[in-house]
Amino acid sequence: MIDTIGVVVQGPNDLGFLNGLRDRLGCRSVVVEYPNAPMLRQRGSHTRRSDAQLLWTRVAPRVTILVRLTDGDVARPARVCRQELQRFPDDAASRLIVGVCERDVEHLMCLDVDYAAKELEFDAKKLPRDPQQLSGFIKNRIAAKLRASPSTQTCSEVVANFVRSAPPRVFKNWLQNPAFSAFYDECRRIASLYDCDTSNER
């Protein structure tokens, strides 16, 4: 079984997305964010080999598996994924999952524009086409939803609920994206190595 999942992400929205995906997969593992990785939080920054070695040394002994989710900001996320994996030690293969968004998590959330517009309460026709503007727009909509909530939710929880609440047809639309599809399959593959049954929404 997978008791603890260590995650290294770009920010709170990424963390929320992973928490929501964990729940959709039917996983009950505790997700723990690695908090001391400022070098990984810069937009477009990928893991240096020395950083990967350090992460593995510090985090791996305390978790069952490690998930590294990063912004791609490129047209070829599969190549970035391979490069990220190569920077970690060879013995990390069975305990490491790397996911690369084509742009960022905010773009991933908009793979089904109608669902994003409904949940984040905006006019789908007003979604910016420019990648940087789209990211900022979605972050602002998440913040607006947070302000309108009477609860003490965080940005991460808003995004986690967004993922949890996505209807199956919406999730299947997300799975049409090659980068997300590869990440989803890798999550299920690693889970199977630890005898964890996960749902398959394909």
N, C-alpha and C. Protein backbone atom coordinates (compact mmCIF):
# COMPACT_ATOMS: atom_id res chain seq x y z
N MET A 1 0.84 -1.20 0.00
CA MET A 1 0.00 0.00 0.00
C MET A 1 0.88 1.26 0.00
N ILE A 2 0.30 2.33 -0.50
CA ILE A 2 0.98 3.62 -0.50
C ILE A 2 0.46 4.42 0.69
N ASP A 3 1.29 4.59 1.70
CA ASP A 3 0.86 5.32 2.90
C ASP A 3 0.99 6.83 2.72
N THR A 4 2.12 7.26 2.17
CA THR A 4 2.40 8.69 2.08
C THR A 4 2.93 9.04 0.69
N ILE A 5 2.37 10.10 0.13
CA ILE A 5 2.83 10.61 -1.17
C ILE A 5 3.50 11.95 -0.94
N GLY A 6 4.78 12.03 -1.22
CA GLY A 6 5.48 13.30 -1.17
C GLY A 6 5.32 14.00 -2.51
N VAL A 7 5.02 15.30 -2.49
CA VAL A 7 4.82 16.02 -3.75
C VAL A 7 5.72 17.25 -3.81
N VAL A 8 6.24 17.51 -4.99
CA VAL A 8 7.03 18.71 -5.27
C VAL A 8 6.34 19.41 -6.43
N VAL A 9 5.78 20.59 -6.16
CA VAL A 9 4.92 21.26 -7.13
C VAL A 9 5.32 22.72 -7.29
N GLN A 10 4.66 23.38 -8.24
CA GLN A 10 4.94 24.78 -8.52
C GLN A 10 4.20 25.73 -7.57
N GLY A 11 3.06 25.30 -7.02
CA GLY A 11 2.28 26.18 -6.17
C GLY A 11 1.01 25.53 -5.67
N PRO A 12 0.16 26.29 -4.98
CA PRO A 12 -1.03 25.73 -4.33
C PRO A 12 -2.05 25.13 -5.30
N ASN A 13 -2.16 25.68 -6.49
CA ASN A 13 -3.12 25.11 -7.44
C ASN A 13 -2.69 23.72 -7.90
N ASP A 14 -1.38 23.55 -8.08
CA ASP A 14 -0.86 22.23 -8.44
C ASP A 14 -1.13 21.22 -7.32
N LEU A 15 -0.91 21.66 -6.08
CA LEU A 15 -1.16 20.79 -4.94
C LEU A 15 -2.63 20.39 -4.88
N GLY A 16 -3.51 21.34 -5.10
CA GLY A 16 -4.94 21.05 -5.11
C GLY A 16 -5.32 20.07 -6.20
N PHE A 17 -4.73 20.25 -7.37
CA PHE A 17 -5.02 19.34 -8.47
C PHE A 17 -4.62 17.91 -8.12
N LEU A 18 -3.45 17.76 -7.51
CA LEU A 18 -2.99 16.42 -7.13
C LEU A 18 -3.88 15.80 -6.05
N ASN A 19 -4.32 16.61 -5.10
CA ASN A 19 -5.21 16.10 -4.06
C ASN A 19 -6.54 15.63 -4.67
N GLY A 20 -7.07 16.42 -5.61
CA GLY A 20 -8.31 16.03 -6.27
C GLY A 20 -8.15 14.77 -7.09
N LEU A 21 -7.01 14.65 -7.77
CA LEU A 21 -6.75 13.45 -8.58
C LEU A 21 -6.58 12.22 -7.69
N ARG A 22 -5.89 12.39 -6.56
CA ARG A 22 -5.75 11.28 -5.60
C ARG A 22 -7.12 10.74 -5.20
N ASP A 23 -8.05 11.64 -4.91
CA ASP A 23 -9.37 11.21 -4.48
C ASP A 23 -10.14 10.53 -5.61
N ARG A 24 -9.99 11.03 -6.84
CA ARG A 24 -10.67 10.40 -7.97
C ARG A 24 -10.14 8.99 -8.21
N LEU A 25 -8.87 8.79 -7.94
CA LEU A 25 -8.27 7.47 -8.13
C LEU A 25 -8.66 6.50 -7.01
N GLY A 26 -9.29 7.03 -5.96
CA GLY A 26 -9.68 6.18 -4.85
C GLY A 26 -8.55 5.88 -3.90
N CYS A 27 -7.55 6.73 -3.90
CA CYS A 27 -6.37 6.54 -3.05
C CYS A 27 -6.59 7.24 -1.70
N ARG A 28 -6.19 6.58 -0.63
CA ARG A 28 -6.37 7.14 0.72
C ARG A 28 -5.05 7.60 1.34
N SER A 29 -4.03 7.70 0.54
CA SER A 29 -2.71 8.08 1.04
C SER A 29 -2.69 9.53 1.50
N VAL A 30 -1.82 9.82 2.43
CA VAL A 30 -1.61 11.18 2.90
C VAL A 30 -0.67 11.87 1.92
N VAL A 31 -1.05 13.07 1.48
CA VAL A 31 -0.21 13.86 0.58
C VAL A 31 0.56 14.89 1.40
N VAL A 32 1.88 14.88 1.25
CA VAL A 32 2.74 15.80 1.99
C VAL A 32 3.56 16.61 0.99
N GLU A 33 3.41 17.94 1.03
CA GLU A 33 4.18 18.79 0.12
C GLU A 33 5.58 19.02 0.68
N TYR A 34 6.56 18.90 -0.18
CA TYR A 34 7.93 19.24 0.21
C TYR A 34 8.04 20.76 0.20
N PRO A 35 8.27 21.39 1.37
CA PRO A 35 8.14 22.85 1.47
C PRO A 35 9.39 23.65 1.14
N ASN A 36 10.52 23.02 0.99
CA ASN A 36 11.77 23.77 0.89
C ASN A 36 12.40 23.67 -0.49
N ALA A 37 11.61 23.95 -1.51
CA ALA A 37 12.15 23.84 -2.86
C ALA A 37 11.91 25.13 -3.65
N PRO A 38 12.40 26.28 -3.17
CA PRO A 38 12.17 27.53 -3.91
C PRO A 38 12.76 27.51 -5.30
N MET A 39 13.80 26.71 -5.50
CA MET A 39 14.44 26.66 -6.81
C MET A 39 13.55 25.99 -7.84
N LEU A 40 12.51 25.29 -7.37
CA LEU A 40 11.60 24.60 -8.29
C LEU A 40 10.34 25.41 -8.55
N ARG A 41 10.17 26.53 -7.89
CA ARG A 41 8.93 27.29 -7.99
C ARG A 41 8.97 28.38 -9.06
N GLN A 42 10.13 28.62 -9.62
CA GLN A 42 10.23 29.63 -10.65
C GLN A 42 9.55 29.15 -11.92
N ARG A 43 8.81 30.01 -12.52
CA ARG A 43 8.07 29.65 -13.73
C ARG A 43 9.02 29.14 -14.81
N GLY A 44 8.70 28.01 -15.38
CA GLY A 44 9.50 27.47 -16.44
C GLY A 44 10.78 26.79 -15.98
N SER A 45 11.02 26.76 -14.67
CA SER A 45 12.25 26.16 -14.15
C SER A 45 12.06 24.67 -13.98
N HIS A 46 13.04 23.90 -14.44
CA HIS A 46 12.99 22.45 -14.29
C HIS A 46 14.07 22.01 -13.33
N THR A 47 13.98 20.80 -12.88
CA THR A 47 14.86 20.30 -11.83
C THR A 47 16.29 20.13 -12.31
N ARG A 48 17.22 20.72 -11.60
CA ARG A 48 18.62 20.46 -11.87
C ARG A 48 18.99 19.11 -11.26
N ARG A 49 20.02 18.47 -11.82
CA ARG A 49 20.42 17.16 -11.32
C ARG A 49 20.77 17.20 -9.84
N SER A 50 21.48 18.25 -9.42
CA SER A 50 21.87 18.35 -8.01
C SER A 50 20.64 18.50 -7.12
N ASP A 51 19.64 19.25 -7.61
CA ASP A 51 18.40 19.41 -6.84
C ASP A 51 17.64 18.09 -6.74
N ALA A 52 17.60 17.35 -7.86
CA ALA A 52 16.91 16.06 -7.87
C ALA A 52 17.55 15.09 -6.89
N GLN A 53 18.87 15.06 -6.88
CA GLN A 53 19.58 14.19 -5.95
C GLN A 53 19.28 14.58 -4.51
N LEU A 54 19.26 15.89 -4.25
CA LEU A 54 18.98 16.38 -2.91
C LEU A 54 17.55 16.05 -2.49
N LEU A 55 16.61 16.27 -3.39
CA LEU A 55 15.21 15.94 -3.11
C LEU A 55 15.06 14.46 -2.76
N TRP A 56 15.70 13.62 -3.55
CA TRP A 56 15.56 12.18 -3.33
C TRP A 56 16.16 11.78 -1.99
N THR A 57 17.29 12.38 -1.65
CA THR A 57 17.94 12.06 -0.39
C THR A 57 17.11 12.50 0.81
N ARG A 58 16.48 13.67 0.69
CA ARG A 58 15.73 14.23 1.83
C ARG A 58 14.31 13.70 1.95
N VAL A 59 13.66 13.53 0.81
CA VAL A 59 12.23 13.21 0.83
C VAL A 59 11.95 11.71 0.76
N ALA A 60 12.67 11.00 -0.10
CA ALA A 60 12.35 9.59 -0.35
C ALA A 60 12.30 8.73 0.90
N PRO A 61 13.20 8.92 1.87
CA PRO A 61 13.13 8.06 3.06
C PRO A 61 11.86 8.24 3.89
N ARG A 62 11.15 9.36 3.69
CA ARG A 62 9.99 9.65 4.53
C ARG A 62 8.65 9.38 3.86
N VAL A 63 8.68 9.01 2.58
CA VAL A 63 7.44 8.80 1.84
C VAL A 63 7.49 7.48 1.09
N THR A 64 6.31 7.01 0.67
CA THR A 64 6.26 5.79 -0.12
C THR A 64 6.63 6.08 -1.57
N ILE A 65 6.00 7.12 -2.12
CA ILE A 65 6.34 7.54 -3.48
C ILE A 65 6.49 9.06 -3.51
N LEU A 66 7.16 9.54 -4.55
CA LEU A 66 7.37 10.98 -4.74
C LEU A 66 6.76 11.38 -6.08
N VAL A 67 6.00 12.47 -6.07
CA VAL A 67 5.39 12.99 -7.30
C VAL A 67 5.96 14.37 -7.58
N ARG A 68 6.50 14.54 -8.75
CA ARG A 68 7.01 15.83 -9.20
C ARG A 68 6.12 16.32 -10.33
N LEU A 69 5.34 17.38 -10.08
CA LEU A 69 4.48 17.96 -11.11
C LEU A 69 5.02 19.34 -11.45
N THR A 70 5.28 19.57 -12.72
CA THR A 70 5.89 20.83 -13.12
C THR A 70 5.19 21.44 -14.32
N ASP A 71 5.36 22.75 -14.46
CA ASP A 71 4.87 23.44 -15.65
C ASP A 71 5.79 23.11 -16.81
N GLY A 72 5.19 22.86 -17.96
CA GLY A 72 6.00 22.56 -19.13
C GLY A 72 6.45 23.81 -19.86
N ASP A 73 5.48 24.71 -20.09
CA ASP A 73 5.75 25.92 -20.86
C ASP A 73 6.41 25.60 -22.20
N VAL A 74 6.13 24.44 -22.71
CA VAL A 74 6.74 24.00 -23.97
C VAL A 74 5.72 23.21 -24.78
N ALA A 75 6.06 22.99 -26.03
CA ALA A 75 5.16 22.22 -26.89
C ALA A 75 5.43 20.73 -26.81
N ARG A 76 6.51 20.33 -26.11
CA ARG A 76 6.87 18.91 -26.06
C ARG A 76 7.06 18.45 -24.62
N PRO A 77 5.96 18.32 -23.87
CA PRO A 77 6.07 17.94 -22.46
C PRO A 77 6.67 16.56 -22.24
N ALA A 78 6.50 15.65 -23.20
CA ALA A 78 7.06 14.30 -23.03
C ALA A 78 8.58 14.36 -22.93
N ARG A 79 9.20 15.24 -23.68
CA ARG A 79 10.65 15.39 -23.61
C ARG A 79 11.07 15.95 -22.26
N VAL A 80 10.33 16.93 -21.75
CA VAL A 80 10.63 17.49 -20.44
C VAL A 80 10.49 16.41 -19.37
N CYS A 81 9.47 15.57 -19.50
CA CYS A 81 9.26 14.49 -18.54
C CYS A 81 10.45 13.54 -18.53
N ARG A 82 10.92 13.16 -19.69
CA ARG A 82 12.08 12.27 -19.77
C ARG A 82 13.31 12.91 -19.13
N GLN A 83 13.51 14.19 -19.40
CA GLN A 83 14.66 14.90 -18.84
C GLN A 83 14.58 14.97 -17.32
N GLU A 84 13.37 15.22 -16.81
CA GLU A 84 13.19 15.27 -15.35
C GLU A 84 13.52 13.92 -14.73
N LEU A 85 13.01 12.85 -15.32
CA LEU A 85 13.25 11.51 -14.78
C LEU A 85 14.74 11.17 -14.78
N GLN A 86 15.44 11.59 -15.82
CA GLN A 86 16.86 11.26 -15.93
C GLN A 86 17.72 11.96 -14.88
N ARG A 87 17.19 13.00 -14.26
CA ARG A 87 17.98 13.75 -13.28
C ARG A 87 17.91 13.12 -11.89
N PHE A 88 16.99 12.19 -11.69
CA PHE A 88 16.87 11.51 -10.41
C PHE A 88 17.72 10.24 -10.43
N PRO A 89 18.07 9.72 -9.25
CA PRO A 89 18.87 8.50 -9.20
C PRO A 89 18.17 7.32 -9.88
N ASP A 90 18.94 6.36 -10.34
CA ASP A 90 18.39 5.20 -11.04
C ASP A 90 17.42 4.41 -10.18
N ASP A 91 17.67 4.37 -8.88
CA ASP A 91 16.80 3.57 -8.00
C ASP A 91 15.47 4.24 -7.69
N ALA A 92 15.22 5.41 -8.30
CA ALA A 92 13.96 6.12 -8.04
C ALA A 92 12.82 5.62 -8.92
N ALA A 93 13.12 4.81 -9.94
CA ALA A 93 12.15 4.47 -10.98
C ALA A 93 10.82 3.94 -10.45
N SER A 94 10.86 3.09 -9.42
CA SER A 94 9.62 2.47 -8.93
C SER A 94 8.90 3.31 -7.89
N ARG A 95 9.48 4.46 -7.54
CA ARG A 95 8.88 5.29 -6.49
C ARG A 95 8.70 6.74 -6.91
N LEU A 96 8.91 7.03 -8.18
CA LEU A 96 8.86 8.41 -8.66
C LEU A 96 7.89 8.54 -9.82
N ILE A 97 7.01 9.55 -9.73
CA ILE A 97 6.10 9.89 -10.82
C ILE A 97 6.37 11.33 -11.21
N VAL A 98 6.61 11.56 -12.48
CA VAL A 98 6.81 12.91 -12.99
C VAL A 98 5.67 13.26 -13.93
N GLY A 99 5.05 14.41 -13.67
CA GLY A 99 4.00 14.91 -14.55
C GLY A 99 4.40 16.28 -15.07
N VAL A 100 4.15 16.51 -16.35
CA VAL A 100 4.49 17.80 -16.97
C VAL A 100 3.25 18.35 -17.67
N CYS A 101 2.78 19.49 -17.21
CA CYS A 101 1.67 20.16 -17.89
C CYS A 101 2.19 20.80 -19.18
N GLU A 102 1.39 20.80 -20.22
CA GLU A 102 1.84 21.44 -21.46
C GLU A 102 2.16 22.92 -21.21
N ARG A 103 1.38 23.54 -20.37
CA ARG A 103 1.66 24.92 -19.98
C ARG A 103 1.74 25.01 -18.46
N ASP A 104 0.58 24.86 -17.82
CA ASP A 104 0.51 24.85 -16.36
C ASP A 104 -0.82 24.24 -15.95
N VAL A 105 -1.03 24.11 -14.64
CA VAL A 105 -2.26 23.48 -14.15
C VAL A 105 -3.50 24.28 -14.56
N GLU A 106 -3.37 25.59 -14.60
CA GLU A 106 -4.52 26.43 -14.98
C GLU A 106 -4.98 26.11 -16.40
N HIS A 107 -4.04 25.85 -17.30
CA HIS A 107 -4.41 25.45 -18.66
C HIS A 107 -5.05 24.06 -18.66
N LEU A 108 -4.53 23.19 -17.82
CA LEU A 108 -5.10 21.85 -17.70
C LEU A 108 -6.55 21.92 -17.23
N MET A 109 -6.83 22.83 -16.33
CA MET A 109 -8.19 23.00 -15.82
C MET A 109 -9.15 23.48 -16.91
N CYS A 110 -8.61 24.06 -17.97
CA CYS A 110 -9.45 24.60 -19.04
C CYS A 110 -9.55 23.70 -20.25
N LEU A 111 -9.11 22.45 -20.13
CA LEU A 111 -9.23 21.53 -21.26
C LEU A 111 -10.69 21.31 -21.64
N ASP A 112 -11.58 21.44 -20.67
CA ASP A 112 -13.02 21.48 -20.95
C ASP A 112 -13.49 22.86 -20.52
N VAL A 113 -13.56 23.76 -21.48
CA VAL A 113 -13.83 25.17 -21.18
C VAL A 113 -15.20 25.36 -20.54
N ASP A 114 -16.20 24.64 -21.02
CA ASP A 114 -17.55 24.80 -20.48
C ASP A 114 -17.60 24.44 -19.00
N TYR A 115 -16.93 23.36 -18.63
CA TYR A 115 -16.90 22.98 -17.21
C TYR A 115 -16.16 24.02 -16.38
N ALA A 116 -15.02 24.49 -16.87
CA ALA A 116 -14.26 25.50 -16.14
C ALA A 116 -15.09 26.76 -15.96
N ALA A 117 -15.79 27.17 -17.02
CA ALA A 117 -16.61 28.38 -16.95
C ALA A 117 -17.73 28.24 -15.93
N LYS A 118 -18.34 27.06 -15.91
CA LYS A 118 -19.44 26.82 -14.96
C LYS A 118 -18.94 26.83 -13.52
N GLU A 119 -17.85 26.11 -13.26
CA GLU A 119 -17.36 25.97 -11.89
C GLU A 119 -16.71 27.24 -11.36
N LEU A 120 -16.04 27.97 -12.23
CA LEU A 120 -15.32 29.17 -11.80
C LEU A 120 -16.08 30.45 -12.15
N GLU A 121 -17.28 30.27 -12.68
CA GLU A 121 -18.24 31.36 -12.89
C GLU A 121 -17.68 32.48 -13.76
N PHE A 122 -17.43 32.13 -15.02
CA PHE A 122 -17.05 33.15 -16.00
C PHE A 122 -17.66 32.81 -17.35
N ASP A 123 -17.70 33.80 -18.22
CA ASP A 123 -18.21 33.62 -19.57
C ASP A 123 -17.12 32.94 -20.40
N ALA A 124 -17.43 31.77 -20.91
CA ALA A 124 -16.44 31.00 -21.66
C ALA A 124 -15.86 31.80 -22.82
N LYS A 125 -16.65 32.70 -23.40
CA LYS A 125 -16.18 33.50 -24.53
C LYS A 125 -15.11 34.51 -24.11
N LYS A 126 -15.01 34.76 -22.82
CA LYS A 126 -14.04 35.75 -22.34
C LYS A 126 -12.73 35.11 -21.87
N LEU A 127 -12.61 33.81 -22.03
CA LEU A 127 -11.36 33.16 -21.64
C LEU A 127 -10.25 33.61 -22.59
N PRO A 128 -9.18 34.20 -22.06
CA PRO A 128 -8.11 34.71 -22.94
C PRO A 128 -7.46 33.60 -23.75
N ARG A 129 -7.02 33.94 -24.95
CA ARG A 129 -6.31 33.01 -25.80
C ARG A 129 -4.81 33.03 -25.52
N ASP A 130 -4.32 34.18 -25.09
CA ASP A 130 -2.90 34.29 -24.76
C ASP A 130 -2.59 33.42 -23.54
N PRO A 131 -1.56 32.54 -23.62
CA PRO A 131 -1.28 31.60 -22.52
C PRO A 131 -1.05 32.26 -21.17
N GLN A 132 -0.25 33.32 -21.13
CA GLN A 132 0.02 33.98 -19.85
C GLN A 132 -1.22 34.64 -19.30
N GLN A 133 -2.00 35.25 -20.17
CA GLN A 133 -3.23 35.89 -19.72
C GLN A 133 -4.24 34.85 -19.21
N LEU A 134 -4.29 33.70 -19.87
CA LEU A 134 -5.19 32.64 -19.43
C LEU A 134 -4.83 32.18 -18.03
N SER A 135 -3.55 31.98 -17.77
CA SER A 135 -3.12 31.53 -16.44
C SER A 135 -3.56 32.52 -15.37
N GLY A 136 -3.29 33.81 -15.61
CA GLY A 136 -3.67 34.83 -14.65
C GLY A 136 -5.18 34.92 -14.47
N PHE A 137 -5.91 34.77 -15.57
CA PHE A 137 -7.37 34.83 -15.53
C PHE A 137 -7.93 33.74 -14.64
N ILE A 138 -7.45 32.51 -14.81
CA ILE A 138 -7.96 31.38 -14.02
C ILE A 138 -7.56 31.54 -12.55
N LYS A 139 -6.36 32.01 -12.30
CA LYS A 139 -5.95 32.24 -10.91
C LYS A 139 -6.85 33.28 -10.25
N ASN A 140 -7.22 34.31 -11.01
CA ASN A 140 -8.14 35.33 -10.47
C ASN A 140 -9.52 34.76 -10.22
N ARG A 141 -9.99 33.85 -11.08
CA ARG A 141 -11.30 33.24 -10.88
C ARG A 141 -11.29 32.33 -9.65
N ILE A 142 -10.18 31.63 -9.43
CA ILE A 142 -10.06 30.79 -8.23
C ILE A 142 -10.09 31.68 -6.99
N ALA A 143 -9.38 32.80 -7.04
CA ALA A 143 -9.36 33.73 -5.90
C ALA A 143 -10.75 34.32 -5.66
N ALA A 144 -11.48 34.63 -6.73
CA ALA A 144 -12.83 35.18 -6.59
C ALA A 144 -13.77 34.16 -5.96
N LYS A 145 -13.63 32.90 -6.37
CA LYS A 145 -14.46 31.83 -5.79
C LYS A 145 -14.14 31.68 -4.31
N LEU A 146 -12.89 31.85 -3.98
CA LEU A 146 -12.45 31.75 -2.60
C LEU A 146 -13.06 32.87 -1.76
N ARG A 147 -13.04 34.08 -2.30
CA ARG A 147 -13.60 35.23 -1.57
C ARG A 147 -15.11 35.09 -1.37
N ALA A 148 -15.77 34.46 -2.33
CA ALA A 148 -17.23 34.33 -2.26
C ALA A 148 -17.66 33.19 -1.35
N SER A 149 -16.70 32.34 -0.94
CA SER A 149 -17.04 31.19 -0.12
C SER A 149 -17.14 31.58 1.35
N PRO A 150 -18.21 31.14 2.04
CA PRO A 150 -18.34 31.45 3.46
C PRO A 150 -17.41 30.60 4.33
N SER A 151 -16.82 29.58 3.73
CA SER A 151 -15.96 28.68 4.50
C SER A 151 -14.54 29.22 4.54
N THR A 152 -13.66 28.47 5.15
CA THR A 152 -12.26 28.87 5.25
C THR A 152 -11.41 28.07 4.27
N GLN A 153 -11.93 27.87 3.07
CA GLN A 153 -11.21 27.13 2.05
C GLN A 153 -9.91 27.84 1.66
N THR A 154 -9.01 27.08 1.10
CA THR A 154 -7.79 27.62 0.51
C THR A 154 -7.88 27.46 -1.00
N CYS A 155 -6.95 28.08 -1.71
CA CYS A 155 -6.89 27.91 -3.17
C CYS A 155 -6.74 26.44 -3.52
N SER A 156 -5.89 25.74 -2.77
CA SER A 156 -5.68 24.31 -3.03
C SER A 156 -6.99 23.53 -2.93
N GLU A 157 -7.81 23.87 -1.93
CA GLU A 157 -9.07 23.15 -1.73
C GLU A 157 -10.07 23.46 -2.83
N VAL A 158 -10.07 24.71 -3.31
CA VAL A 158 -10.95 25.06 -4.43
C VAL A 158 -10.60 24.22 -5.65
N VAL A 159 -9.32 24.11 -5.95
CA VAL A 159 -8.89 23.33 -7.12
C VAL A 159 -9.15 21.84 -6.90
N ALA A 160 -8.90 21.35 -5.69
CA ALA A 160 -9.16 19.94 -5.40
C ALA A 160 -10.64 19.62 -5.62
N ASN A 161 -11.53 20.48 -5.16
CA ASN A 161 -12.96 20.27 -5.36
C ASN A 161 -13.33 20.34 -6.85
N PHE A 162 -12.66 21.21 -7.57
CA PHE A 162 -12.86 21.34 -9.02
C PHE A 162 -12.57 20.01 -9.70
N VAL A 163 -11.49 19.36 -9.30
CA VAL A 163 -11.11 18.07 -9.90
C VAL A 163 -12.05 16.97 -9.44
N ARG A 164 -12.36 16.95 -8.14
CA ARG A 164 -13.25 15.91 -7.61
C ARG A 164 -14.63 15.97 -8.26
N SER A 165 -15.12 17.18 -8.52
CA SER A 165 -16.50 17.37 -8.99
C SER A 165 -16.66 17.21 -10.49
N ALA A 166 -15.56 17.11 -11.22
CA ALA A 166 -15.65 17.01 -12.68
C ALA A 166 -16.43 15.77 -13.09
N PRO A 167 -17.47 15.92 -13.89
CA PRO A 167 -18.22 14.74 -14.36
C PRO A 167 -17.32 13.82 -15.18
N PRO A 168 -17.65 12.55 -15.25
CA PRO A 168 -16.83 11.60 -16.01
C PRO A 168 -16.56 12.05 -17.44
N ARG A 169 -17.54 12.64 -18.11
CA ARG A 169 -17.33 13.08 -19.50
C ARG A 169 -16.28 14.17 -19.58
N VAL A 170 -16.23 15.05 -18.55
CA VAL A 170 -15.24 16.11 -18.51
C VAL A 170 -13.85 15.51 -18.29
N PHE A 171 -13.78 14.56 -17.36
CA PHE A 171 -12.49 13.94 -17.07
C PHE A 171 -11.97 13.21 -18.31
N LYS A 172 -12.85 12.60 -19.06
CA LYS A 172 -12.43 11.94 -20.30
C LYS A 172 -11.91 12.95 -21.31
N ASN A 173 -12.48 14.15 -21.30
CA ASN A 173 -11.95 15.20 -22.17
C ASN A 173 -10.52 15.56 -21.75
N TRP A 174 -10.28 15.63 -20.45
CA TRP A 174 -8.92 15.91 -19.97
C TRP A 174 -7.96 14.82 -20.43
N LEU A 175 -8.44 13.59 -20.42
CA LEU A 175 -7.58 12.47 -20.79
C LEU A 175 -7.24 12.44 -22.28
N GLN A 176 -7.89 13.28 -23.06
CA GLN A 176 -7.52 13.41 -24.47
C GLN A 176 -6.22 14.19 -24.62
N ASN A 177 -5.82 14.89 -23.56
CA ASN A 177 -4.56 15.64 -23.58
C ASN A 177 -3.41 14.66 -23.34
N PRO A 178 -2.46 14.53 -24.26
CA PRO A 178 -1.40 13.52 -24.13
C PRO A 178 -0.58 13.65 -22.85
N ALA A 179 -0.26 14.88 -22.45
CA ALA A 179 0.57 15.07 -21.25
C ALA A 179 -0.17 14.60 -20.00
N PHE A 180 -1.43 15.00 -19.85
CA PHE A 180 -2.18 14.57 -18.68
C PHE A 180 -2.47 13.07 -18.73
N SER A 181 -2.77 12.56 -19.92
CA SER A 181 -3.04 11.13 -20.08
C SER A 181 -1.84 10.30 -19.63
N ALA A 182 -0.63 10.72 -20.01
CA ALA A 182 0.58 9.99 -19.63
C ALA A 182 0.78 10.02 -18.12
N PHE A 183 0.51 11.16 -17.51
CA PHE A 183 0.66 11.30 -16.06
C PHE A 183 -0.35 10.42 -15.33
N TYR A 184 -1.59 10.42 -15.80
CA TYR A 184 -2.64 9.61 -15.21
C TYR A 184 -2.29 8.12 -15.27
N ASP A 185 -1.82 7.68 -16.44
CA ASP A 185 -1.44 6.28 -16.59
C ASP A 185 -0.27 5.91 -15.69
N GLU A 186 0.68 6.82 -15.53
CA GLU A 186 1.83 6.53 -14.68
C GLU A 186 1.40 6.45 -13.21
N CYS A 187 0.47 7.29 -12.80
CA CYS A 187 -0.04 7.20 -11.43
C CYS A 187 -0.66 5.83 -11.18
N ARG A 188 -1.44 5.35 -12.13
CA ARG A 188 -2.08 4.06 -11.97
C ARG A 188 -1.06 2.92 -12.02
N ARG A 189 -0.03 3.08 -12.86
CA ARG A 189 0.99 2.03 -12.97
C ARG A 189 1.77 1.89 -11.66
N ILE A 190 2.20 3.01 -11.11
CA ILE A 190 2.95 2.97 -9.85
C ILE A 190 2.07 2.41 -8.74
N ALA A 191 0.81 2.83 -8.71
CA ALA A 191 -0.11 2.32 -7.69
C ALA A 191 -0.22 0.81 -7.75
N SER A 192 -0.23 0.26 -8.97
CA SER A 192 -0.36 -1.19 -9.12
C SER A 192 0.86 -1.92 -8.57
N LEU A 193 2.02 -1.27 -8.58
CA LEU A 193 3.23 -1.88 -8.03
C LEU A 193 3.11 -2.08 -6.52
N TYR A 194 2.26 -1.27 -5.90
CA TYR A 194 2.07 -1.34 -4.45
C TYR A 194 0.72 -1.97 -4.08
N ASP A 195 0.16 -2.71 -5.04
CA ASP A 195 -1.12 -3.41 -4.83
C ASP A 195 -2.24 -2.48 -4.44
N CYS A 196 -2.22 -1.27 -4.99
CA CYS A 196 -3.30 -0.31 -4.74
C CYS A 196 -4.28 -0.36 -5.91
N ASP A 197 -5.52 -0.62 -5.61
CA ASP A 197 -6.55 -0.61 -6.65
C ASP A 197 -6.97 0.84 -6.90
N THR A 198 -6.94 1.25 -8.15
CA THR A 198 -7.36 2.61 -8.50
C THR A 198 -8.47 2.53 -9.54
N SER A 199 -9.31 3.54 -9.54
CA SER A 199 -10.37 3.60 -10.55
C SER A 199 -9.74 3.92 -11.90
N ASN A 200 -10.40 3.46 -12.94
CA ASN A 200 -9.94 3.75 -14.31
C ASN A 200 -11.06 4.46 -15.04
N GLU A 201 -10.88 5.75 -15.28
CA GLU A 201 -11.94 6.55 -15.86
C GLU A 201 -11.88 6.62 -17.38
N ARG A 202 -11.06 5.78 -17.96
CA ARG A 202 -11.03 5.75 -19.42
C ARG A 202 -12.28 5.11 -19.99
